[in-house]
Amino acid sequence: MRMHRHGSSGPPIIVLHGGPGAPGSACGLARGLAAAFRVHEPFQRGSTRPDGTVGTVTAEPLTVARHVADLDALVAEITAGEGGLRPALVGHSWGAMLALAYAAAHPGQVTALVAVGSGTFGPAARSRFNELCAERMDDALRERLRALETAVSDPDQRLRMRADLLEPLYSYDAMADEDAEPCDERAHRETWDDMLRLQAAGVYPAAFAAIDVPVLLLHGAQDPHPGRLIRASLEPYLPALEYREWERCGHYPWRERAVRDDFFAVASTWLRRRFASPRPEPGGG
């Protein structure tokens, strides 16, 4: 995977971008954590592109399992380079879902997990997400979204433009994102379809009962992804789940003027405490 690294001191963390298929979308999150941590920001595996600019190329369908396997290789590499110190995972949106899926599939391999603006894990939360987006949309925006379907033939460009049009619906008072890279429509579609398939089959969120590390869910009250419903869907499987919500905050807390500083303070303090209280080695009692 392509990799950006930020920071030169502190414990290791891996920041996972959202989308799926939106590499670079969590760069501001990664940079903001670099004051206290050595941050690894991988660009997740993407579809085949002639210029190789999006992720790692693959001809196979992209699945949750493929992304989990890629992350496992990265976690092993970082742990070995840190003399056995396991990294923490910080995932945003889809990246939060990937972090949870990884921690469930590979217990004991990471120190802790922070889920920022997680995506949905059930029909109730997804229905509320759709309702909130519809309520915030006016006729002019609906028409612009419809026009994209015929005006823009390139699917990656169309996905990027759609995300830009929808961004105000996801935010409260957010600063502009200067780190946006080309989107990967195929990676987005195949990965998300597989996540929905796994949820419909009952795999997620039930698999999260295997997670054996502390989990912190951070959310903005103005995020159309309904944080409290997402928390409710996770709590039966993560009874020790911690939750923090900010009122004047949308889907990208690190970009929100009102909460940016507090968001980084909360996330960094919580992570430092987890590294300061290491768990026993697997099988060590």
Foldseek 3Di string as FASTA:
>chain_A
DDKDKAADDAAEEEEEEDQLQWAQPCVLVQNLLRVHHTYIYAQFAADDDPVCPHHNHDPDQDELVVRLVVVVVVQVVVCVVVVNAGYEYEYAAVGLVSNLVNLLVDPPSHLEYEYALYAALDDVLVVQLVVLLVVPDDPVLVVVLVVLVPPPDDQQVSVVVNCVSSVVQQWQAFDDDPRTDTGHRSSNVRHVVNSVVCSVVVNPPQSSLSRDHAYEYEAEPSGSSHPVVRCVRNCVSVVRYHYDYDDRTGRRQCGGPVCNVVVSVVVNVVVVVSSVDGDDHVVPD
